[in-house]
N, C-alpha and C. Protein backbone atom coordinates (compact mmCIF):
# COMPACT_ATOMS: atom_id res chain seq x y z
N MET A 1 -3.35 -26.80 -0.54
CA MET A 1 -3.78 -25.48 -0.97
C MET A 1 -2.81 -24.44 -0.42
N THR A 2 -2.10 -23.74 -1.29
CA THR A 2 -1.12 -22.75 -0.87
C THR A 2 -1.75 -21.37 -0.87
N LEU A 3 -1.89 -20.82 0.31
CA LEU A 3 -2.50 -19.52 0.49
C LEU A 3 -1.46 -18.58 1.10
N THR A 4 -1.10 -17.55 0.36
CA THR A 4 -0.15 -16.55 0.87
C THR A 4 -0.96 -15.35 1.33
N THR A 5 -0.69 -14.90 2.55
CA THR A 5 -1.43 -13.79 3.14
C THR A 5 -0.59 -12.53 3.10
N PHE A 6 -1.23 -11.44 2.70
CA PHE A 6 -0.57 -10.14 2.63
C PHE A 6 -1.29 -9.13 3.52
N ALA A 7 -0.54 -8.48 4.39
CA ALA A 7 -1.02 -7.27 5.04
C ALA A 7 -0.51 -6.13 4.18
N LEU A 8 -1.42 -5.35 3.64
CA LEU A 8 -1.07 -4.22 2.77
C LEU A 8 -1.37 -2.94 3.54
N ILE A 9 -0.33 -2.26 3.96
CA ILE A 9 -0.46 -1.08 4.82
C ILE A 9 0.00 0.15 4.06
N ARG A 10 -0.86 1.15 4.02
CA ARG A 10 -0.44 2.44 3.49
C ARG A 10 0.40 3.13 4.56
N HIS A 11 1.40 3.86 4.13
CA HIS A 11 2.25 4.62 5.06
C HIS A 11 1.42 5.53 5.95
N GLY A 12 2.04 6.01 7.03
CA GLY A 12 1.40 6.99 7.90
C GLY A 12 1.31 8.36 7.23
N GLN A 13 0.64 9.26 7.90
CA GLN A 13 0.36 10.59 7.36
C GLN A 13 1.64 11.42 7.16
N THR A 14 1.61 12.23 6.10
CA THR A 14 2.65 13.24 5.85
C THR A 14 1.96 14.60 5.88
N ASP A 15 2.77 15.65 5.89
CA ASP A 15 2.19 16.99 5.82
C ASP A 15 1.41 17.18 4.53
N TRP A 16 1.90 16.61 3.42
CA TRP A 16 1.17 16.73 2.16
C TRP A 16 -0.15 15.98 2.22
N ASN A 17 -0.22 14.85 2.92
CA ASN A 17 -1.52 14.18 3.11
C ASN A 17 -2.48 15.12 3.83
N ALA A 18 -1.99 15.72 4.91
CA ALA A 18 -2.83 16.60 5.73
C ALA A 18 -3.30 17.80 4.92
N GLU A 19 -2.47 18.27 3.98
CA GLU A 19 -2.81 19.42 3.15
C GLU A 19 -3.54 19.01 1.86
N ARG A 20 -3.77 17.72 1.69
CA ARG A 20 -4.46 17.16 0.53
C ARG A 20 -3.75 17.52 -0.78
N ARG A 21 -2.42 17.34 -0.76
CA ARG A 21 -1.59 17.54 -1.95
C ARG A 21 -1.25 16.18 -2.55
N LEU A 22 -1.19 16.11 -3.87
CA LEU A 22 -0.75 14.88 -4.54
C LEU A 22 0.73 14.67 -4.26
N GLN A 23 1.10 13.49 -3.76
CA GLN A 23 2.51 13.22 -3.45
C GLN A 23 3.22 12.46 -4.55
N GLY A 24 2.61 11.38 -5.02
CA GLY A 24 3.27 10.58 -6.04
C GLY A 24 4.63 10.10 -5.60
N VAL A 25 5.62 10.29 -6.45
CA VAL A 25 6.97 9.82 -6.14
C VAL A 25 7.81 10.89 -5.45
N THR A 26 7.23 12.07 -5.20
CA THR A 26 7.93 13.08 -4.42
C THR A 26 8.12 12.52 -3.02
N ASP A 27 9.34 12.57 -2.53
CA ASP A 27 9.69 11.86 -1.29
C ASP A 27 9.43 12.74 -0.06
N ILE A 28 8.20 12.78 0.37
CA ILE A 28 7.78 13.58 1.51
C ILE A 28 7.84 12.70 2.77
N PRO A 29 8.45 13.19 3.86
CA PRO A 29 8.58 12.36 5.07
C PRO A 29 7.28 12.28 5.87
N LEU A 30 7.23 11.30 6.76
CA LEU A 30 6.13 11.22 7.72
C LEU A 30 6.15 12.45 8.61
N ASN A 31 4.97 12.84 9.10
CA ASN A 31 4.92 13.83 10.17
C ASN A 31 4.71 13.10 11.50
N ASP A 32 4.58 13.83 12.59
CA ASP A 32 4.44 13.18 13.89
C ASP A 32 3.16 12.36 13.99
N VAL A 33 2.09 12.83 13.36
CA VAL A 33 0.84 12.05 13.33
C VAL A 33 1.09 10.72 12.63
N GLY A 34 1.79 10.76 11.50
CA GLY A 34 2.09 9.55 10.74
C GLY A 34 2.94 8.57 11.52
N ARG A 35 3.89 9.08 12.28
CA ARG A 35 4.71 8.18 13.12
C ARG A 35 3.85 7.53 14.19
N GLY A 36 2.93 8.28 14.76
CA GLY A 36 2.00 7.70 15.75
C GLY A 36 1.10 6.66 15.12
N GLN A 37 0.62 6.92 13.91
CA GLN A 37 -0.21 5.94 13.20
C GLN A 37 0.57 4.65 12.96
N ALA A 38 1.83 4.78 12.59
CA ALA A 38 2.66 3.59 12.36
C ALA A 38 2.82 2.79 13.65
N ARG A 39 3.07 3.48 14.76
CA ARG A 39 3.18 2.77 16.06
C ARG A 39 1.86 2.10 16.42
N ASP A 40 0.74 2.79 16.16
CA ASP A 40 -0.58 2.22 16.47
C ASP A 40 -0.90 1.01 15.60
N ALA A 41 -0.37 0.96 14.39
CA ALA A 41 -0.65 -0.15 13.48
C ALA A 41 -0.09 -1.48 13.99
N VAL A 42 0.91 -1.41 14.85
CA VAL A 42 1.55 -2.63 15.36
C VAL A 42 0.53 -3.52 16.08
N ALA A 43 -0.40 -2.92 16.83
CA ALA A 43 -1.37 -3.71 17.60
C ALA A 43 -2.19 -4.63 16.70
N GLY A 44 -2.62 -4.14 15.55
CA GLY A 44 -3.43 -4.95 14.64
C GLY A 44 -2.65 -6.02 13.90
N LEU A 45 -1.33 -5.93 13.93
CA LEU A 45 -0.48 -6.87 13.21
C LEU A 45 0.23 -7.86 14.12
N SER A 46 0.24 -7.58 15.42
CA SER A 46 1.03 -8.38 16.36
C SER A 46 0.44 -9.76 16.62
N GLY A 47 -0.79 -10.01 16.23
CA GLY A 47 -1.40 -11.32 16.44
C GLY A 47 -0.95 -12.36 15.43
N PHE A 48 -0.15 -11.95 14.46
CA PHE A 48 0.31 -12.85 13.40
C PHE A 48 1.83 -12.96 13.43
N GLU A 49 2.32 -14.07 12.94
CA GLU A 49 3.76 -14.23 12.73
C GLU A 49 4.04 -13.84 11.27
N TRP A 50 4.86 -12.84 11.05
CA TRP A 50 5.15 -12.36 9.70
C TRP A 50 6.46 -12.97 9.20
N ASP A 51 6.42 -13.54 8.01
CA ASP A 51 7.59 -14.20 7.44
C ASP A 51 8.50 -13.22 6.70
N ALA A 52 7.95 -12.12 6.25
CA ALA A 52 8.73 -11.10 5.55
C ALA A 52 8.06 -9.75 5.72
N VAL A 53 8.88 -8.72 5.79
CA VAL A 53 8.40 -7.34 5.81
C VAL A 53 9.12 -6.62 4.67
N VAL A 54 8.34 -6.06 3.76
CA VAL A 54 8.90 -5.33 2.62
C VAL A 54 8.20 -3.99 2.51
N SER A 55 8.86 -3.05 1.85
CA SER A 55 8.23 -1.74 1.68
C SER A 55 8.68 -1.10 0.39
N SER A 56 7.98 -0.05 0.04
CA SER A 56 8.42 0.88 -0.99
C SER A 56 9.70 1.54 -0.49
N PRO A 57 10.57 1.97 -1.42
CA PRO A 57 11.77 2.67 -0.99
C PRO A 57 11.55 4.14 -0.64
N LEU A 58 10.38 4.70 -0.97
CA LEU A 58 10.12 6.10 -0.64
C LEU A 58 10.09 6.28 0.88
N GLY A 59 10.64 7.38 1.36
CA GLY A 59 10.87 7.60 2.78
C GLY A 59 9.67 7.40 3.67
N ARG A 60 8.49 7.88 3.26
CA ARG A 60 7.31 7.78 4.12
C ARG A 60 6.90 6.33 4.34
N ALA A 61 7.02 5.49 3.32
CA ALA A 61 6.69 4.07 3.46
C ALA A 61 7.81 3.33 4.18
N ALA A 62 9.06 3.68 3.84
CA ALA A 62 10.20 3.02 4.49
C ALA A 62 10.20 3.28 5.99
N GLU A 63 9.94 4.52 6.40
CA GLU A 63 9.92 4.82 7.84
C GLU A 63 8.74 4.14 8.52
N THR A 64 7.57 4.13 7.88
CA THR A 64 6.42 3.42 8.45
C THR A 64 6.76 1.95 8.65
N ALA A 65 7.38 1.34 7.64
CA ALA A 65 7.76 -0.08 7.73
C ALA A 65 8.77 -0.30 8.85
N ASP A 66 9.74 0.60 8.97
CA ASP A 66 10.74 0.46 10.04
C ASP A 66 10.10 0.52 11.41
N ILE A 67 9.17 1.45 11.61
CA ILE A 67 8.48 1.59 12.90
C ILE A 67 7.66 0.34 13.20
N ILE A 68 6.89 -0.11 12.22
CA ILE A 68 6.06 -1.30 12.42
C ILE A 68 6.93 -2.53 12.67
N ALA A 69 7.94 -2.72 11.85
CA ALA A 69 8.82 -3.89 12.02
C ALA A 69 9.47 -3.89 13.40
N ALA A 70 9.96 -2.75 13.84
CA ALA A 70 10.57 -2.67 15.17
C ALA A 70 9.55 -3.02 16.26
N GLY A 71 8.32 -2.56 16.10
CA GLY A 71 7.28 -2.88 17.06
C GLY A 71 6.93 -4.35 17.10
N LEU A 72 7.20 -5.05 16.01
CA LEU A 72 6.95 -6.50 15.91
C LEU A 72 8.21 -7.31 16.22
N GLY A 73 9.29 -6.62 16.59
CA GLY A 73 10.54 -7.31 16.89
C GLY A 73 11.25 -7.84 15.66
N ARG A 74 11.05 -7.17 14.52
CA ARG A 74 11.65 -7.60 13.25
C ARG A 74 12.41 -6.44 12.62
N LYS A 75 13.02 -6.73 11.50
CA LYS A 75 13.60 -5.71 10.64
C LYS A 75 12.93 -5.83 9.27
N VAL A 76 12.98 -4.75 8.52
CA VAL A 76 12.46 -4.79 7.15
C VAL A 76 13.43 -5.62 6.31
N ASP A 77 12.89 -6.58 5.58
CA ASP A 77 13.72 -7.47 4.77
C ASP A 77 14.27 -6.77 3.54
N ARG A 78 13.45 -5.95 2.88
CA ARG A 78 13.95 -5.21 1.71
C ARG A 78 12.93 -4.17 1.25
N ARG A 79 13.45 -3.27 0.41
CA ARG A 79 12.65 -2.21 -0.22
C ARG A 79 12.50 -2.59 -1.69
N LEU A 80 11.27 -2.58 -2.17
CA LEU A 80 11.01 -2.96 -3.56
C LEU A 80 10.59 -1.73 -4.37
N PRO A 81 11.39 -1.33 -5.36
CA PRO A 81 11.04 -0.15 -6.17
C PRO A 81 9.66 -0.25 -6.83
N ASP A 82 9.22 -1.46 -7.18
CA ASP A 82 7.91 -1.59 -7.82
C ASP A 82 6.74 -1.31 -6.89
N LEU A 83 7.03 -1.11 -5.60
CA LEU A 83 5.97 -0.76 -4.64
C LEU A 83 5.85 0.74 -4.41
N GLN A 84 6.64 1.55 -5.13
CA GLN A 84 6.52 2.99 -4.92
C GLN A 84 5.20 3.50 -5.51
N GLU A 85 4.83 4.67 -5.09
CA GLU A 85 3.55 5.26 -5.48
C GLU A 85 3.50 5.58 -6.98
N ARG A 86 2.29 5.73 -7.46
CA ARG A 86 2.07 6.18 -8.84
C ARG A 86 2.70 7.56 -9.01
N GLY A 87 3.43 7.75 -10.08
CA GLY A 87 3.98 9.07 -10.39
C GLY A 87 2.90 9.95 -10.99
N TYR A 88 2.78 11.17 -10.49
CA TYR A 88 1.75 12.10 -10.98
C TYR A 88 2.31 13.22 -11.85
N GLY A 89 3.58 13.13 -12.23
CA GLY A 89 4.15 14.13 -13.11
C GLY A 89 4.08 15.53 -12.54
N GLU A 90 3.69 16.48 -13.39
CA GLU A 90 3.64 17.89 -12.99
C GLU A 90 2.60 18.16 -11.90
N ALA A 91 1.69 17.24 -11.66
CA ALA A 91 0.63 17.45 -10.68
C ALA A 91 1.10 17.24 -9.24
N GLU A 92 2.28 16.66 -9.06
CA GLU A 92 2.76 16.40 -7.70
C GLU A 92 2.96 17.71 -6.93
N GLY A 93 2.45 17.70 -5.73
CA GLY A 93 2.53 18.88 -4.86
C GLY A 93 1.33 19.79 -4.94
N LEU A 94 0.45 19.55 -5.91
CA LEU A 94 -0.71 20.42 -6.09
C LEU A 94 -1.93 19.92 -5.31
N GLN A 95 -2.78 20.89 -4.95
CA GLN A 95 -4.07 20.61 -4.33
C GLN A 95 -5.14 20.80 -5.39
N ASP A 96 -6.39 20.35 -5.06
CA ASP A 96 -7.50 20.59 -5.98
C ASP A 96 -7.61 22.08 -6.27
N GLY A 97 -7.87 22.38 -7.52
CA GLY A 97 -8.01 23.79 -7.90
C GLY A 97 -7.67 23.97 -9.36
N PRO A 98 -7.68 25.22 -9.83
CA PRO A 98 -7.47 25.50 -11.25
C PRO A 98 -6.12 25.01 -11.78
N GLU A 99 -5.06 25.12 -11.00
CA GLU A 99 -3.74 24.70 -11.46
C GLU A 99 -3.71 23.19 -11.71
N LEU A 100 -4.31 22.43 -10.80
CA LEU A 100 -4.39 20.97 -10.98
C LEU A 100 -5.33 20.63 -12.13
N ASP A 101 -6.46 21.32 -12.20
CA ASP A 101 -7.42 21.06 -13.29
C ASP A 101 -6.79 21.26 -14.66
N ALA A 102 -5.87 22.22 -14.78
CA ALA A 102 -5.23 22.49 -16.06
C ALA A 102 -4.34 21.33 -16.52
N LEU A 103 -3.94 20.47 -15.59
CA LEU A 103 -3.08 19.33 -15.91
C LEU A 103 -3.85 18.03 -16.13
N ARG A 104 -5.17 18.08 -15.92
CA ARG A 104 -5.96 16.85 -16.05
C ARG A 104 -6.02 16.37 -17.50
N THR A 105 -5.93 15.06 -17.65
CA THR A 105 -6.11 14.39 -18.94
C THR A 105 -7.05 13.23 -18.69
N PRO A 106 -7.60 12.61 -19.72
CA PRO A 106 -8.44 11.43 -19.48
C PRO A 106 -7.65 10.36 -18.70
N GLY A 107 -8.14 9.99 -17.54
CA GLY A 107 -7.50 8.95 -16.73
C GLY A 107 -6.35 9.42 -15.88
N GLY A 108 -6.12 10.72 -15.77
CA GLY A 108 -5.01 11.15 -14.91
C GLY A 108 -4.60 12.58 -15.11
N PHE A 109 -3.27 12.77 -15.17
CA PHE A 109 -2.68 14.09 -15.28
C PHE A 109 -1.55 14.05 -16.31
N ARG A 110 -1.27 15.19 -16.91
CA ARG A 110 -0.19 15.27 -17.88
C ARG A 110 1.12 14.78 -17.26
N GLY A 111 1.76 13.81 -17.93
CA GLY A 111 3.03 13.27 -17.46
C GLY A 111 2.92 12.23 -16.37
N ALA A 112 1.71 11.86 -15.97
CA ALA A 112 1.52 10.89 -14.89
C ALA A 112 1.61 9.46 -15.41
N GLU A 113 2.00 8.56 -14.53
CA GLU A 113 1.93 7.13 -14.82
C GLU A 113 0.45 6.75 -14.92
N SER A 114 0.10 5.90 -15.84
CA SER A 114 -1.30 5.52 -15.98
C SER A 114 -1.74 4.63 -14.83
N GLU A 115 -3.04 4.63 -14.58
CA GLU A 115 -3.59 3.73 -13.56
C GLU A 115 -3.29 2.28 -13.92
N GLU A 116 -3.41 1.95 -15.20
CA GLU A 116 -3.18 0.57 -15.64
C GLU A 116 -1.75 0.13 -15.38
N SER A 117 -0.80 1.01 -15.67
CA SER A 117 0.61 0.69 -15.46
C SER A 117 0.91 0.55 -13.96
N THR A 118 0.34 1.43 -13.16
CA THR A 118 0.54 1.37 -11.71
C THR A 118 -0.01 0.06 -11.16
N ALA A 119 -1.22 -0.28 -11.57
CA ALA A 119 -1.86 -1.51 -11.08
C ALA A 119 -1.07 -2.75 -11.50
N ALA A 120 -0.65 -2.78 -12.76
CA ALA A 120 0.11 -3.93 -13.26
C ALA A 120 1.44 -4.08 -12.53
N ARG A 121 2.11 -2.97 -12.27
CA ARG A 121 3.38 -2.98 -11.55
C ARG A 121 3.18 -3.48 -10.12
N GLY A 122 2.16 -2.98 -9.46
CA GLY A 122 1.88 -3.40 -8.08
C GLY A 122 1.50 -4.87 -7.99
N LEU A 123 0.64 -5.30 -8.90
CA LEU A 123 0.20 -6.70 -8.87
C LEU A 123 1.36 -7.64 -9.19
N ALA A 124 2.21 -7.27 -10.14
CA ALA A 124 3.38 -8.10 -10.45
C ALA A 124 4.29 -8.23 -9.24
N ALA A 125 4.47 -7.13 -8.50
CA ALA A 125 5.31 -7.18 -7.29
C ALA A 125 4.72 -8.13 -6.26
N LEU A 126 3.41 -8.05 -6.03
CA LEU A 126 2.77 -8.93 -5.04
C LEU A 126 2.80 -10.38 -5.50
N GLU A 127 2.59 -10.63 -6.77
CA GLU A 127 2.60 -12.01 -7.25
C GLU A 127 4.01 -12.60 -7.21
N THR A 128 5.03 -11.77 -7.41
CA THR A 128 6.41 -12.23 -7.24
C THR A 128 6.66 -12.60 -5.78
N LEU A 129 6.16 -11.78 -4.87
CA LEU A 129 6.31 -12.09 -3.43
C LEU A 129 5.54 -13.36 -3.07
N ALA A 130 4.35 -13.55 -3.65
CA ALA A 130 3.57 -14.77 -3.38
C ALA A 130 4.33 -16.01 -3.84
N ALA A 131 5.01 -15.91 -4.98
CA ALA A 131 5.80 -17.04 -5.48
C ALA A 131 7.02 -17.28 -4.61
N GLU A 132 7.58 -16.21 -4.06
CA GLU A 132 8.76 -16.34 -3.21
C GLU A 132 8.42 -16.84 -1.81
N PHE A 133 7.24 -16.49 -1.32
CA PHE A 133 6.82 -16.86 0.04
C PHE A 133 5.50 -17.63 0.01
N PRO A 134 5.42 -18.74 -0.72
CA PRO A 134 4.15 -19.48 -0.81
C PRO A 134 3.71 -20.00 0.55
N GLY A 135 2.44 -19.77 0.85
CA GLY A 135 1.88 -20.26 2.11
C GLY A 135 2.32 -19.49 3.33
N GLN A 136 2.97 -18.35 3.15
CA GLN A 136 3.48 -17.58 4.27
C GLN A 136 2.73 -16.26 4.40
N ARG A 137 3.17 -15.45 5.37
CA ARG A 137 2.56 -14.14 5.64
C ARG A 137 3.57 -13.04 5.33
N VAL A 138 3.16 -12.10 4.48
CA VAL A 138 4.05 -11.03 4.04
C VAL A 138 3.40 -9.69 4.38
N LEU A 139 4.14 -8.86 5.10
CA LEU A 139 3.68 -7.52 5.46
C LEU A 139 4.30 -6.54 4.47
N VAL A 140 3.45 -5.80 3.77
CA VAL A 140 3.88 -4.86 2.74
C VAL A 140 3.44 -3.46 3.13
N VAL A 141 4.40 -2.53 3.18
CA VAL A 141 4.07 -1.13 3.43
C VAL A 141 4.33 -0.36 2.15
N ALA A 142 3.29 0.27 1.63
CA ALA A 142 3.39 0.97 0.35
C ALA A 142 2.55 2.25 0.40
N HIS A 143 1.78 2.49 -0.64
CA HIS A 143 1.10 3.78 -0.84
C HIS A 143 -0.36 3.57 -1.21
N GLY A 144 -1.18 4.55 -0.87
CA GLY A 144 -2.63 4.42 -1.03
C GLY A 144 -3.09 4.13 -2.44
N THR A 145 -2.65 4.92 -3.40
CA THR A 145 -3.11 4.70 -4.77
C THR A 145 -2.58 3.39 -5.32
N LEU A 146 -1.32 3.08 -5.05
CA LEU A 146 -0.76 1.81 -5.52
C LEU A 146 -1.55 0.63 -4.94
N ILE A 147 -1.84 0.65 -3.66
CA ILE A 147 -2.58 -0.45 -3.03
C ILE A 147 -3.98 -0.55 -3.63
N ARG A 148 -4.67 0.59 -3.74
CA ARG A 148 -6.05 0.58 -4.25
C ARG A 148 -6.11 0.06 -5.68
N LEU A 149 -5.24 0.59 -6.55
CA LEU A 149 -5.27 0.17 -7.95
C LEU A 149 -4.86 -1.29 -8.11
N THR A 150 -3.88 -1.73 -7.32
CA THR A 150 -3.45 -3.13 -7.37
C THR A 150 -4.57 -4.05 -6.94
N LEU A 151 -5.25 -3.72 -5.84
CA LEU A 151 -6.37 -4.56 -5.39
C LEU A 151 -7.52 -4.52 -6.39
N ASN A 152 -7.79 -3.36 -6.97
CA ASN A 152 -8.84 -3.28 -7.99
C ASN A 152 -8.57 -4.25 -9.13
N LEU A 153 -7.32 -4.29 -9.60
CA LEU A 153 -6.96 -5.19 -10.68
C LEU A 153 -7.03 -6.65 -10.23
N ALA A 154 -6.50 -6.93 -9.05
CA ALA A 154 -6.47 -8.31 -8.55
C ALA A 154 -7.87 -8.86 -8.32
N LEU A 155 -8.77 -8.02 -7.84
CA LEU A 155 -10.11 -8.47 -7.46
C LEU A 155 -11.17 -8.22 -8.53
N GLY A 156 -10.83 -7.39 -9.52
CA GLY A 156 -11.83 -7.01 -10.53
C GLY A 156 -12.93 -6.16 -9.92
N SER A 157 -12.55 -5.27 -8.99
CA SER A 157 -13.55 -4.44 -8.32
C SER A 157 -13.06 -2.99 -8.28
N THR A 158 -13.85 -2.14 -7.67
CA THR A 158 -13.48 -0.74 -7.50
C THR A 158 -13.57 -0.40 -6.03
N LEU A 159 -12.43 -0.17 -5.42
CA LEU A 159 -12.37 0.12 -3.98
C LEU A 159 -12.24 1.61 -3.74
N ALA A 160 -12.63 2.02 -2.54
CA ALA A 160 -12.49 3.41 -2.12
C ALA A 160 -11.02 3.69 -1.80
N SER A 161 -10.72 4.90 -1.41
CA SER A 161 -9.35 5.25 -1.06
C SER A 161 -8.90 4.47 0.17
N VAL A 162 -7.61 4.30 0.30
CA VAL A 162 -7.01 3.51 1.37
C VAL A 162 -6.56 4.45 2.48
N ASP A 163 -6.97 4.16 3.70
CA ASP A 163 -6.62 4.99 4.85
C ASP A 163 -5.16 4.77 5.26
N ASN A 164 -4.60 5.77 5.93
CA ASN A 164 -3.23 5.68 6.40
C ASN A 164 -3.09 4.66 7.52
N ALA A 165 -2.10 3.78 7.38
CA ALA A 165 -1.62 2.89 8.44
C ALA A 165 -2.71 2.02 9.07
N VAL A 166 -3.63 1.50 8.26
CA VAL A 166 -4.62 0.55 8.76
C VAL A 166 -4.49 -0.76 7.98
N LEU A 167 -5.07 -1.82 8.55
CA LEU A 167 -4.93 -3.15 7.98
C LEU A 167 -5.81 -3.37 6.76
N ASN A 168 -5.17 -3.81 5.69
CA ASN A 168 -5.83 -4.35 4.51
C ASN A 168 -5.24 -5.74 4.36
N LEU A 169 -6.06 -6.76 4.50
CA LEU A 169 -5.56 -8.13 4.51
C LEU A 169 -6.09 -8.87 3.29
N ALA A 170 -5.19 -9.33 2.46
CA ALA A 170 -5.56 -10.03 1.23
C ALA A 170 -4.86 -11.38 1.19
N HIS A 171 -5.49 -12.33 0.53
CA HIS A 171 -4.95 -13.68 0.40
C HIS A 171 -4.80 -14.02 -1.07
N HIS A 172 -3.68 -14.65 -1.41
CA HIS A 172 -3.42 -15.06 -2.78
C HIS A 172 -3.31 -16.57 -2.85
N HIS A 173 -4.10 -17.16 -3.74
CA HIS A 173 -4.03 -18.59 -4.01
C HIS A 173 -3.69 -18.76 -5.48
N VAL A 174 -2.75 -19.65 -5.76
CA VAL A 174 -2.27 -19.83 -7.13
C VAL A 174 -3.41 -20.13 -8.10
N VAL A 175 -4.37 -20.95 -7.69
CA VAL A 175 -5.48 -21.34 -8.57
C VAL A 175 -6.66 -20.38 -8.46
N ASP A 176 -7.06 -20.07 -7.24
CA ASP A 176 -8.28 -19.29 -7.02
C ASP A 176 -8.08 -17.77 -7.07
N GLY A 177 -6.85 -17.31 -7.14
CA GLY A 177 -6.59 -15.88 -7.24
C GLY A 177 -6.62 -15.17 -5.90
N TRP A 178 -7.16 -13.97 -5.90
CA TRP A 178 -7.09 -13.06 -4.75
C TRP A 178 -8.43 -12.96 -4.02
N GLN A 179 -8.35 -12.82 -2.71
CA GLN A 179 -9.52 -12.56 -1.88
C GLN A 179 -9.13 -11.50 -0.86
N LEU A 180 -10.00 -10.52 -0.66
CA LEU A 180 -9.77 -9.46 0.31
C LEU A 180 -10.58 -9.76 1.55
N GLU A 181 -9.90 -9.84 2.69
CA GLU A 181 -10.58 -10.14 3.96
C GLU A 181 -10.86 -8.88 4.79
N TYR A 182 -9.87 -8.00 4.87
CA TYR A 182 -10.03 -6.73 5.58
C TYR A 182 -9.71 -5.60 4.62
N PHE A 183 -10.51 -4.53 4.69
CA PHE A 183 -10.21 -3.32 3.93
C PHE A 183 -10.42 -2.12 4.83
N ASN A 184 -9.41 -1.26 4.90
CA ASN A 184 -9.43 -0.11 5.81
C ASN A 184 -9.80 -0.51 7.23
N GLY A 185 -9.24 -1.64 7.66
CA GLY A 185 -9.43 -2.11 9.03
C GLY A 185 -10.74 -2.80 9.31
N GLN A 186 -11.58 -2.97 8.31
CA GLN A 186 -12.91 -3.56 8.48
C GLN A 186 -12.95 -4.97 7.89
N LEU A 187 -13.47 -5.91 8.66
CA LEU A 187 -13.66 -7.28 8.18
C LEU A 187 -14.73 -7.29 7.10
N LEU A 188 -14.42 -7.89 5.95
CA LEU A 188 -15.36 -7.90 4.83
C LEU A 188 -16.17 -9.19 4.75
N ALA A 189 -15.63 -10.28 5.28
CA ALA A 189 -16.32 -11.58 5.17
C ALA A 189 -16.45 -12.18 6.55
N ALA A 190 -17.56 -12.93 6.75
CA ALA A 190 -17.78 -13.56 8.05
C ALA A 190 -16.80 -14.71 8.30
N ASP A 191 -16.40 -15.40 7.23
CA ASP A 191 -15.49 -16.53 7.40
C ASP A 191 -14.04 -16.04 7.34
N VAL A 192 -13.34 -16.15 8.43
CA VAL A 192 -11.94 -15.73 8.51
C VAL A 192 -11.06 -16.87 8.04
N LEU A 193 -10.16 -16.56 7.09
CA LEU A 193 -9.26 -17.58 6.56
C LEU A 193 -8.10 -17.80 7.50
N SER A 194 -7.59 -19.00 7.52
CA SER A 194 -6.44 -19.28 8.39
C SER A 194 -5.15 -18.96 7.69
C-alpha cells in the first residue's frame, strides 16, 4: 500500500492578510508576524523526516518555505507555479465593501480564476508530486484558497478557511484516494496513519 503524506502549509501572515485584502497573485511579502509564524511552524513538522519541500513561487510562500526548511535543516527543492494562489483579477488588493461588491460575479470576481480551475490546478500538482514521491513525505507551502479548494475537490467536502502557517496533513493513496488527518492544526481522526 503506497501512501504519500503531504503537509500542506499556508504561508505566514502578510500586511494584506492583516488588513483583510484579497491578495491572489499579487506578490505581497511576509510581515514580521508571518516570519514568526513560519519559525513557529517548524516545531509541528520536526517530528517527521521530509523527503521533499516544495512551494509556490510567490514571495510570501517562498519565504515561508525557506524559513521552515532552514529550521528543519533542509533546503526547498523547488518552486511549482501550479501552487500559486488563485488569481482574483481586478479584486486583488480590495477589502470587503462597495468597490469589491461591484466586481462580484457568480462564483467569484470579474477577471478572477474560477474556483474549479484553481482546485483542478492544485490537485493536479499534488497528484504529480504523489506520483514522483510515492510512499514518501512531501512538505508543500502554498496559499489558503488554493489549499482549501484543492482539498475540497480531493475529499469531496467543504472546508473552512485555512489558517496561516499551521499543519494540514493529508494522505494520498493511489487506489483509496485522499484522506485528511489534520486541518488547521487539529487532529480529525482518532486513528493516526503511519
